[in-house]
Amino acid sequence: MASDGDIRVLLVLNLLLSATFSAVVVWGASLVGLASFTAETILLGTFALAFLTYLVVLR
């Protein structure tokens, strides 16, 4: 019998990986002048990406 794992671990990993990816994307966008590299921008990108990932993968 296979286990799906603990949903809390999946959510934490999702947030950590989303935050990392969001920081890299915002940093790149700030280099070309598309966005400012601020904590608010990274936070917004993190939650948007984590929510999208949750909808696509976990539901």
N, C-alpha and C. Protein backbone atom coordinates (compact mmCIF):
# COMPACT_ATOMS: atom_id res chain seq x y z
N MET A 1 0.85 -1.17 0.00
CA MET A 1 0.00 0.00 0.00
C MET A 1 0.90 1.24 0.00
N ALA A 2 0.67 2.13 -0.94
CA ALA A 2 1.48 3.34 -1.06
C ALA A 2 0.88 4.47 -0.23
N SER A 3 1.75 5.28 0.33
CA SER A 3 1.31 6.42 1.13
C SER A 3 1.46 7.70 0.31
N ASP A 4 0.51 8.60 0.44
CA ASP A 4 0.57 9.88 -0.27
C ASP A 4 1.45 10.89 0.45
N GLY A 5 1.80 10.63 1.69
CA GLY A 5 2.62 11.54 2.46
C GLY A 5 1.78 12.51 3.27
N ASP A 6 2.44 13.28 4.07
CA ASP A 6 1.78 14.24 4.94
C ASP A 6 1.57 15.54 4.17
N ILE A 7 0.35 16.01 4.12
CA ILE A 7 0.02 17.21 3.36
C ILE A 7 0.75 18.44 3.90
N ARG A 8 1.04 18.48 5.19
CA ARG A 8 1.76 19.62 5.76
C ARG A 8 3.17 19.73 5.21
N VAL A 9 3.82 18.60 5.02
CA VAL A 9 5.16 18.60 4.45
C VAL A 9 5.11 19.09 3.01
N LEU A 10 4.12 18.63 2.27
CA LEU A 10 3.98 19.07 0.88
C LEU A 10 3.72 20.58 0.79
N LEU A 11 2.91 21.10 1.68
CA LEU A 11 2.62 22.54 1.66
C LEU A 11 3.85 23.37 2.03
N VAL A 12 4.62 22.92 3.00
CA VAL A 12 5.84 23.65 3.39
C VAL A 12 6.86 23.62 2.25
N LEU A 13 7.03 22.46 1.63
CA LEU A 13 7.94 22.37 0.49
C LEU A 13 7.47 23.25 -0.66
N ASN A 14 6.17 23.27 -0.89
CA ASN A 14 5.61 24.12 -1.93
C ASN A 14 5.93 25.59 -1.65
N LEU A 15 5.75 26.03 -0.42
CA LEU A 15 6.05 27.42 -0.07
C LEU A 15 7.53 27.75 -0.21
N LEU A 16 8.39 26.85 0.24
CA LEU A 16 9.83 27.08 0.16
C LEU A 16 10.31 27.15 -1.29
N LEU A 17 9.87 26.21 -2.10
CA LEU A 17 10.30 26.21 -3.50
C LEU A 17 9.68 27.37 -4.27
N SER A 18 8.45 27.70 -3.95
CA SER A 18 7.81 28.86 -4.60
C SER A 18 8.52 30.15 -4.23
N ALA A 19 8.92 30.28 -2.98
CA ALA A 19 9.63 31.48 -2.53
C ALA A 19 10.98 31.60 -3.23
N THR A 20 11.68 30.51 -3.36
CA THR A 20 12.98 30.53 -4.04
C THR A 20 12.82 30.92 -5.51
N PHE A 21 11.88 30.27 -6.18
CA PHE A 21 11.65 30.57 -7.59
C PHE A 21 11.17 32.01 -7.77
N SER A 22 10.29 32.45 -6.91
CA SER A 22 9.78 33.81 -6.99
C SER A 22 10.89 34.83 -6.78
N ALA A 23 11.78 34.58 -5.85
CA ALA A 23 12.90 35.50 -5.59
C ALA A 23 13.80 35.59 -6.82
N VAL A 24 14.06 34.47 -7.46
CA VAL A 24 14.91 34.48 -8.66
C VAL A 24 14.23 35.23 -9.80
N VAL A 25 12.93 35.00 -9.99
CA VAL A 25 12.20 35.68 -11.06
C VAL A 25 12.12 37.19 -10.80
N VAL A 26 11.83 37.58 -9.57
CA VAL A 26 11.75 39.01 -9.25
C VAL A 26 13.12 39.66 -9.37
N TRP A 27 14.16 38.96 -8.96
CA TRP A 27 15.52 39.49 -9.10
C TRP A 27 15.84 39.73 -10.58
N GLY A 28 15.51 38.75 -11.43
CA GLY A 28 15.74 38.90 -12.86
C GLY A 28 14.91 40.04 -13.45
N ALA A 29 13.67 40.16 -13.00
CA ALA A 29 12.81 41.24 -13.49
C ALA A 29 13.33 42.60 -13.03
N SER A 30 13.93 42.64 -11.87
CA SER A 30 14.48 43.92 -11.39
C SER A 30 15.73 44.32 -12.18
N LEU A 31 16.46 43.34 -12.68
CA LEU A 31 17.64 43.65 -13.49
C LEU A 31 17.28 44.36 -14.79
N VAL A 32 16.13 43.99 -15.37
CA VAL A 32 15.73 44.59 -16.63
C VAL A 32 14.72 45.71 -16.43
N GLY A 33 14.39 46.03 -15.18
CA GLY A 33 13.54 47.16 -14.88
C GLY A 33 12.04 46.88 -14.93
N LEU A 34 11.64 45.63 -14.86
CA LEU A 34 10.22 45.30 -14.91
C LEU A 34 9.54 45.31 -13.54
N ALA A 35 10.30 45.07 -12.49
CA ALA A 35 9.73 45.02 -11.14
C ALA A 35 10.79 45.45 -10.15
N SER A 36 10.34 45.84 -8.98
CA SER A 36 11.30 46.20 -7.93
C SER A 36 11.53 44.99 -7.03
N PHE A 37 12.77 44.84 -6.61
CA PHE A 37 13.15 43.70 -5.78
C PHE A 37 12.86 44.05 -4.31
N THR A 38 11.62 43.81 -3.90
CA THR A 38 11.21 44.10 -2.52
C THR A 38 10.60 42.84 -1.92
N ALA A 39 10.51 42.85 -0.60
CA ALA A 39 9.93 41.71 0.10
C ALA A 39 8.45 41.53 -0.28
N GLU A 40 7.75 42.63 -0.49
CA GLU A 40 6.33 42.54 -0.85
C GLU A 40 6.14 41.89 -2.21
N THR A 41 7.00 42.23 -3.16
CA THR A 41 6.91 41.65 -4.50
C THR A 41 7.20 40.15 -4.46
N ILE A 42 8.22 39.79 -3.70
CA ILE A 42 8.56 38.37 -3.58
C ILE A 42 7.45 37.62 -2.86
N LEU A 43 6.89 38.21 -1.83
CA LEU A 43 5.81 37.57 -1.08
C LEU A 43 4.58 37.37 -1.96
N LEU A 44 4.22 38.37 -2.73
CA LEU A 44 3.08 38.25 -3.62
C LEU A 44 3.32 37.17 -4.67
N GLY A 45 4.50 37.15 -5.24
CA GLY A 45 4.83 36.11 -6.21
C GLY A 45 4.84 34.72 -5.60
N THR A 46 5.32 34.63 -4.37
CA THR A 46 5.36 33.34 -3.69
C THR A 46 3.96 32.78 -3.47
N PHE A 47 3.08 33.61 -2.94
CA PHE A 47 1.73 33.12 -2.67
C PHE A 47 0.95 32.84 -3.95
N ALA A 48 1.17 33.64 -4.98
CA ALA A 48 0.49 33.38 -6.25
C ALA A 48 0.96 32.06 -6.85
N LEU A 49 2.26 31.83 -6.84
CA LEU A 49 2.81 30.59 -7.39
C LEU A 49 2.42 29.38 -6.54
N ALA A 50 2.45 29.51 -5.23
CA ALA A 50 2.07 28.40 -4.35
C ALA A 50 0.60 28.05 -4.53
N PHE A 51 -0.25 29.07 -4.66
CA PHE A 51 -1.69 28.82 -4.86
C PHE A 51 -1.93 28.14 -6.20
N LEU A 52 -1.27 28.61 -7.24
CA LEU A 52 -1.42 28.00 -8.55
C LEU A 52 -0.94 26.55 -8.53
N THR A 53 0.18 26.31 -7.90
CA THR A 53 0.70 24.95 -7.78
C THR A 53 -0.26 24.06 -7.00
N TYR A 54 -0.82 24.59 -5.93
CA TYR A 54 -1.79 23.83 -5.14
C TYR A 54 -3.00 23.45 -5.98
N LEU A 55 -3.51 24.39 -6.77
CA LEU A 55 -4.68 24.11 -7.59
C LEU A 55 -4.38 23.07 -8.66
N VAL A 56 -3.23 23.18 -9.29
CA VAL A 56 -2.90 22.29 -10.40
C VAL A 56 -2.51 20.89 -9.92
N VAL A 57 -1.70 20.82 -8.88
CA VAL A 57 -1.11 19.53 -8.49
C VAL A 57 -1.93 18.81 -7.42
N LEU A 58 -2.34 19.50 -6.39
CA LEU A 58 -2.95 18.82 -5.25
C LEU A 58 -4.46 18.65 -5.36
N ARG A 59 -5.10 19.36 -6.22
CA ARG A 59 -6.57 19.22 -6.33
C ARG A 59 -6.95 18.58 -7.60
